[in-house]
Amino acid sequence: MRTVSTILLVLMVVATVVVSCGQKQVQEPLTEAPFYTTLEEGKQAAGADKPILMDFYTDWCTWCKKLNAEVFTDSAVIDYFVNNVVLVKINAEVDSATAKAYNVSGYPTLVLVDKDGNEIDRIVGYLPADEFIQKVDDYQNGVGTLEDLLGQAEGSSDRELFLEIADKYKYRGAPDDAKVWFEKVIAEGDPADSLSGESRMSLADMLRRAKDYAGARDAFAQIAKDFKGTTFAEGADIWTAIVYRQEGDTAKAIAAFENFIANYPQSEDVEYATEQIKKLKGIKEEETN
């Protein structure tokens, strides 16, 4: 028996409008990429020929909504999923088991797998339509995958390449491997340049993800000191506030967010910090109008 989502997909792909005069049928163009809602359904649809792209999202994720509105409605992307790749959209907070199985920790995360569900590689975050198609195509051809990058890194001193490898390990849920490559970026260059800054921010973030809140706060504090006057210091300050919030220390979280606003009044994150303060103080939206 077909599932509801399978039936809906079939209807989306073959939807037609019967014109009253004669037997002529006019096929309506799809307005969004056809998709399934479980990996098993995706495997059945893919057969032996097509790879599967799992889009892990949440209802509250802003970039997930942007991906839906701007990418999955693009005509070239729709055609791509009709003909080349099977799309499976998974709410990570509903199907948490699948999200956990693929070590999904941020949204949107799009994991490209083969017919057996083995990961080829993943996209973390938003990409515009043309870049999106190109990235998935590259992965299918073995270009830019973790395996490809590791091969390029043999005998190389390219720190940007090392950083890309580290990020791939990080988002695959392999923090020990990621740490090796982030530290390699730092060790083989200027410890105060932008590549080192990115690596140190990621190392601090991995401590936060592992719930080593004290370690994360110490790491962010050192970054703020070593990169004073840069965007890394700005980022470290707001992440310190986030760590306090996640740790459950409401008073220190509020103080840290207020300190961030005072230090970086022109930052694009001021609105976010302000909203966090309201939530932490329990201020309802109507009370601020």
Protein backbone atom coordinates (compact mmCIF):
# COMPACT_ATOMS: atom_id res chain seq x y z
CA MET A 1 0.00 0.00 0.00
CA ARG A 2 1.29 3.43 -0.85
CA THR A 3 1.79 5.90 1.95
CA VAL A 4 0.04 9.26 1.93
CA SER A 5 3.25 11.10 1.07
CA THR A 6 3.92 8.73 -1.83
CA ILE A 7 0.45 9.33 -3.23
CA LEU A 8 0.87 13.08 -2.86
CA LEU A 9 4.16 12.95 -4.73
CA VAL A 10 2.64 11.04 -7.61
CA LEU A 11 -0.17 13.56 -7.80
CA MET A 12 2.31 16.44 -7.83
CA VAL A 13 4.37 14.98 -10.64
CA VAL A 14 1.51 13.92 -12.93
CA ALA A 15 -1.00 16.62 -12.03
CA THR A 16 -3.02 17.58 -15.12
CA VAL A 17 -5.96 19.73 -15.93
CA VAL A 18 -8.58 18.31 -18.31
CA VAL A 19 -9.76 20.99 -20.69
CA SER A 20 -13.55 20.88 -21.29
CA CYS A 21 -13.29 20.96 -25.08
CA GLY A 22 -12.30 17.52 -26.34
CA GLN A 23 -9.76 15.20 -24.66
CA LYS A 24 -6.82 17.63 -24.57
CA GLN A 25 -4.82 17.64 -21.34
CA VAL A 26 -2.56 20.45 -20.17
CA GLN A 27 0.15 19.53 -17.67
CA GLU A 28 0.58 22.10 -14.94
CA PRO A 29 4.17 22.99 -14.02
CA LEU A 30 5.29 22.05 -10.53
CA THR A 31 5.70 24.96 -8.14
CA GLU A 32 8.11 23.18 -5.80
CA ALA A 33 10.49 20.24 -5.90
CA PRO A 34 8.71 16.89 -5.37
CA PHE A 35 9.76 15.14 -2.17
CA TYR A 36 9.20 12.24 0.20
CA THR A 37 9.11 12.41 3.98
CA THR A 38 11.03 9.29 5.02
CA LEU A 39 14.33 7.79 3.92
CA GLU A 40 12.71 4.43 3.23
CA GLU A 41 10.26 6.04 0.80
CA GLY A 42 13.18 7.82 -0.83
CA LYS A 43 15.08 4.57 -1.26
CA GLN A 44 12.08 2.94 -2.93
CA ALA A 45 11.71 5.88 -5.32
CA ALA A 46 15.43 6.08 -6.08
CA GLY A 47 15.81 2.46 -7.09
CA ALA A 48 19.31 1.56 -8.20
CA ASP A 49 20.00 4.66 -10.27
CA LYS A 50 19.42 7.83 -8.28
CA PRO A 51 21.09 9.23 -5.18
CA ILE A 52 18.96 10.65 -2.36
CA LEU A 53 19.28 14.08 -0.80
CA MET A 54 17.89 14.35 2.73
CA ASP A 55 16.96 17.87 3.80
CA PHE A 56 16.98 18.01 7.61
CA TYR A 57 15.01 21.04 8.80
CA THR A 58 13.05 22.43 11.75
CA ASP A 59 9.92 24.57 11.78
CA TRP A 60 11.76 27.45 13.51
CA CYS A 61 14.84 27.50 11.26
CA THR A 62 15.01 30.77 9.28
CA TRP A 63 17.47 29.48 6.68
CA CYS A 64 15.36 26.34 6.20
CA LYS A 65 12.42 28.56 5.31
CA LYS A 66 14.60 30.55 2.92
CA LEU A 67 15.73 27.31 1.29
CA ASN A 68 12.10 26.28 0.79
CA ALA A 69 11.02 29.67 -0.52
CA GLU A 70 13.93 30.43 -2.85
CA VAL A 71 15.65 27.17 -3.82
CA PHE A 72 13.10 24.36 -3.82
CA THR A 73 10.73 26.56 -5.85
CA ASP A 74 13.35 27.38 -8.49
CA SER A 75 12.45 25.84 -11.87
CA ALA A 76 15.94 24.42 -12.46
CA VAL A 77 15.97 22.86 -8.99
CA ILE A 78 12.50 21.38 -9.49
CA ASP A 79 13.65 19.81 -12.77
CA TYR A 80 16.78 18.53 -11.06
CA PHE A 81 14.78 16.65 -8.43
CA VAL A 82 12.31 15.32 -10.98
CA ASN A 83 15.07 13.84 -13.13
CA ASN A 84 18.35 13.41 -11.26
CA VAL A 85 18.04 13.15 -7.48
CA VAL A 86 15.33 12.02 -5.05
CA LEU A 87 14.54 14.60 -2.37
CA VAL A 88 13.53 13.60 1.15
CA LYS A 89 12.54 16.34 3.60
CA ILE A 90 12.84 15.36 7.26
CA ASN A 91 11.72 17.42 10.23
CA ALA A 92 14.64 16.70 12.56
CA GLU A 93 12.54 17.31 15.67
CA VAL A 94 9.93 14.78 14.53
CA ASP A 95 12.20 12.10 13.05
CA SER A 96 14.98 12.63 15.57
CA ALA A 97 16.23 9.07 15.14
CA THR A 98 17.25 9.63 11.52
CA ALA A 99 18.75 13.01 12.36
CA LYS A 100 20.80 11.40 15.13
CA ALA A 101 21.87 8.54 12.88
CA TYR A 102 23.41 11.05 10.48
CA ASN A 103 24.88 13.27 13.25
CA VAL A 104 22.84 16.30 12.23
CA SER A 105 23.47 19.20 14.61
CA GLY A 106 22.55 22.33 12.65
CA TYR A 107 19.86 23.37 10.18
CA PRO A 108 19.44 23.15 7.35
CA THR A 109 21.70 20.14 6.82
CA LEU A 110 21.37 18.33 3.50
CA VAL A 111 22.92 14.87 3.38
CA LEU A 112 23.51 13.20 0.01
CA VAL A 113 23.42 9.40 0.26
CA ASP A 114 23.55 6.48 -2.12
CA LYS A 115 20.75 3.95 -2.64
CA ASP A 116 21.79 2.14 0.54
CA GLY A 117 21.79 5.25 2.68
CA ASN A 118 25.59 5.61 2.85
CA GLU A 119 26.68 9.24 3.07
CA ILE A 120 28.42 10.73 0.04
CA ASP A 121 28.72 14.20 1.60
CA ARG A 122 26.63 17.02 3.00
CA ILE A 123 25.76 20.69 2.68
CA VAL A 124 25.39 22.61 5.93
CA GLY A 125 23.50 25.88 5.61
CA TYR A 126 21.94 27.76 2.72
CA LEU A 127 23.13 27.94 -0.89
CA PRO A 128 21.40 29.79 -3.76
CA ALA A 129 19.85 27.62 -6.46
CA ASP A 130 22.68 27.55 -9.00
CA GLU A 131 25.36 26.87 -6.37
CA PHE A 132 23.10 24.29 -4.76
CA ILE A 133 22.76 22.26 -7.97
CA GLN A 134 26.48 22.56 -8.71
CA LYS A 135 27.45 21.35 -5.23
CA VAL A 136 25.19 18.29 -5.38
CA ASP A 137 26.44 17.52 -8.90
CA ASP A 138 30.05 17.82 -7.75
CA TYR A 139 29.44 15.45 -4.86
CA GLN A 140 27.89 12.88 -7.18
CA ASN A 141 31.05 13.06 -9.29
CA GLY A 142 33.35 12.78 -6.27
CA VAL A 143 34.42 16.40 -6.40
CA GLY A 144 34.78 18.25 -3.10
CA THR A 145 33.81 15.28 -0.95
CA LEU A 146 35.70 14.48 2.23
CA GLU A 147 37.46 11.61 0.47
CA ASP A 148 38.48 13.92 -2.37
CA LEU A 149 39.80 16.59 -0.01
CA LEU A 150 41.78 14.11 2.07
CA GLY A 151 43.46 12.95 -1.13
CA GLN A 152 44.34 16.53 -2.05
CA ALA A 153 45.75 17.15 1.43
CA GLU A 154 48.45 14.50 1.12
CA GLY A 155 51.75 16.38 0.97
CA SER A 156 49.92 19.72 0.87
CA SER A 157 50.43 22.82 3.04
CA ASP A 158 47.14 24.45 1.99
CA ARG A 159 45.60 25.70 5.24
CA GLU A 160 42.30 26.58 3.55
CA LEU A 161 42.06 22.96 2.44
CA PHE A 162 42.81 21.81 5.99
CA LEU A 163 40.04 24.08 7.29
CA GLU A 164 37.55 22.66 4.81
CA ILE A 165 38.42 19.12 5.90
CA ALA A 166 38.06 20.10 9.56
CA ASP A 167 34.62 21.57 8.91
CA LYS A 168 33.49 18.40 7.16
CA TYR A 169 34.54 16.29 10.14
CA LYS A 170 32.91 18.72 12.55
CA TYR A 171 29.53 18.59 10.85
CA ARG A 172 29.70 14.81 10.48
CA GLY A 173 29.88 14.49 14.25
CA ALA A 174 33.58 13.53 14.36
CA PRO A 175 35.02 16.13 16.77
CA ASP A 176 38.31 14.32 17.40
CA ASP A 177 39.15 14.23 13.69
CA ALA A 178 37.96 17.82 13.28
CA LYS A 179 40.19 18.97 16.15
CA VAL A 180 43.27 17.46 14.49
CA TRP A 181 42.68 19.45 11.31
CA PHE A 182 41.68 22.71 13.05
CA GLU A 183 44.86 22.54 15.11
CA LYS A 184 46.82 21.83 11.93
CA VAL A 185 45.47 25.07 10.44
CA ILE A 186 46.62 27.01 13.51
CA ALA A 187 50.00 25.29 13.84
CA GLU A 188 51.03 25.81 10.23
CA GLY A 189 50.24 29.52 9.96
CA ASP A 190 49.93 32.78 11.84
CA PRO A 191 47.99 32.02 15.07
CA ALA A 192 46.33 35.45 14.83
CA ASP A 193 45.23 35.42 11.17
CA SER A 194 41.70 34.83 9.91
CA LEU A 195 42.13 31.09 9.26
CA SER A 196 43.36 30.59 12.80
CA GLY A 197 40.48 32.72 14.06
CA GLU A 198 37.95 30.57 12.24
CA SER A 199 39.60 27.41 13.56
CA ARG A 200 39.65 28.64 17.14
CA MET A 201 36.00 29.69 16.97
CA SER A 202 35.10 26.20 15.71
CA LEU A 203 37.14 24.52 18.45
CA ALA A 204 35.32 26.62 21.05
CA ASP A 205 31.98 25.79 19.43
CA MET A 206 32.75 22.07 19.60
CA LEU A 207 33.30 22.42 23.34
CA ARG A 208 29.89 24.11 23.56
CA ARG A 209 28.24 21.35 21.54
CA ALA A 210 29.83 18.79 23.86
CA LYS A 211 28.32 20.75 26.80
CA ASP A 212 31.74 21.61 28.18
CA TYR A 213 30.40 25.06 28.98
CA ALA A 214 33.29 26.17 31.19
CA GLY A 215 35.80 25.14 28.53
CA ALA A 216 33.80 26.89 25.81
CA ARG A 217 33.57 30.12 27.82
CA ASP A 218 37.31 30.08 28.49
CA ALA A 219 38.03 29.50 24.80
CA PHE A 220 35.71 32.30 23.66
CA ALA A 221 37.19 34.67 26.28
CA GLN A 222 40.70 34.00 24.98
CA ILE A 223 39.57 34.60 21.40
CA ALA A 224 37.98 37.92 22.42
CA LYS A 225 41.31 38.92 23.97
CA ASP A 226 43.60 37.70 21.17
CA PHE A 227 41.42 39.07 18.35
CA LYS A 228 40.31 42.32 19.97
CA GLY A 229 38.76 44.74 17.48
CA THR A 230 37.88 42.03 14.96
CA THR A 231 34.74 40.16 14.01
CA PHE A 232 36.12 37.15 15.87
CA ALA A 233 36.05 39.08 19.14
CA GLU A 234 32.48 40.17 18.36
CA GLY A 235 31.46 36.60 17.65
CA ALA A 236 33.19 35.31 20.77
CA ASP A 237 31.29 37.81 22.93
CA ILE A 238 27.85 36.84 21.70
CA TRP A 239 28.67 33.15 21.88
CA THR A 240 29.73 33.63 25.48
CA ALA A 241 26.24 34.94 26.19
CA ILE A 242 24.70 31.99 24.37
CA VAL A 243 26.81 29.57 26.42
CA TYR A 244 25.59 31.15 29.66
CA ARG A 245 22.00 30.82 28.40
CA GLN A 246 22.49 27.16 27.48
CA GLU A 247 24.18 26.56 30.82
CA GLY A 248 21.05 27.87 32.55
CA ASP A 249 22.69 30.90 34.20
CA THR A 250 20.00 33.46 33.35
CA ALA A 251 21.53 36.41 35.21
CA LYS A 252 24.95 36.02 33.56
CA ALA A 253 23.37 35.40 30.16
CA ILE A 254 21.37 38.65 30.38
CA ALA A 255 24.46 40.56 31.51
CA ALA A 256 26.55 39.07 28.67
CA PHE A 257 23.93 39.93 26.02
CA GLU A 258 23.64 43.48 27.42
CA ASN A 259 27.43 43.78 27.39
CA PHE A 260 27.46 42.64 23.76
CA ILE A 261 24.93 45.30 22.75
CA ALA A 262 26.92 47.99 24.58
CA ASN A 263 30.20 46.93 22.94
CA TYR A 264 28.83 46.35 19.43
CA PRO A 265 25.82 48.66 18.96
CA GLN A 266 26.12 48.49 15.15
CA SER A 267 26.31 44.70 14.97
CA GLU A 268 23.73 42.84 12.90
CA ASP A 269 23.29 40.57 15.94
CA VAL A 270 21.97 43.33 18.22
CA GLU A 271 18.38 42.46 17.32
CA TYR A 272 19.02 38.82 18.18
CA ALA A 273 20.67 39.76 21.49
CA THR A 274 17.77 42.06 22.35
CA GLU A 275 15.24 39.29 21.69
CA GLN A 276 17.22 36.90 23.86
CA ILE A 277 17.21 39.40 26.74
CA LYS A 278 13.42 39.73 26.43
CA LYS A 279 12.97 35.97 26.53
CA LEU A 280 15.32 35.56 29.47
CA LYS A 281 13.50 38.29 31.38
CA GLY A 282 10.13 36.81 30.46
CA ILE A 283 8.99 39.96 28.66
CA LYS A 284 6.08 39.27 26.33
CA GLU A 285 5.89 40.93 22.95
CA GLU A 286 2.76 42.97 23.79
CA GLU A 287 4.48 44.41 26.88
CA THR A 288 7.12 46.05 24.67
CA ASN A 289 4.71 47.85 22.32
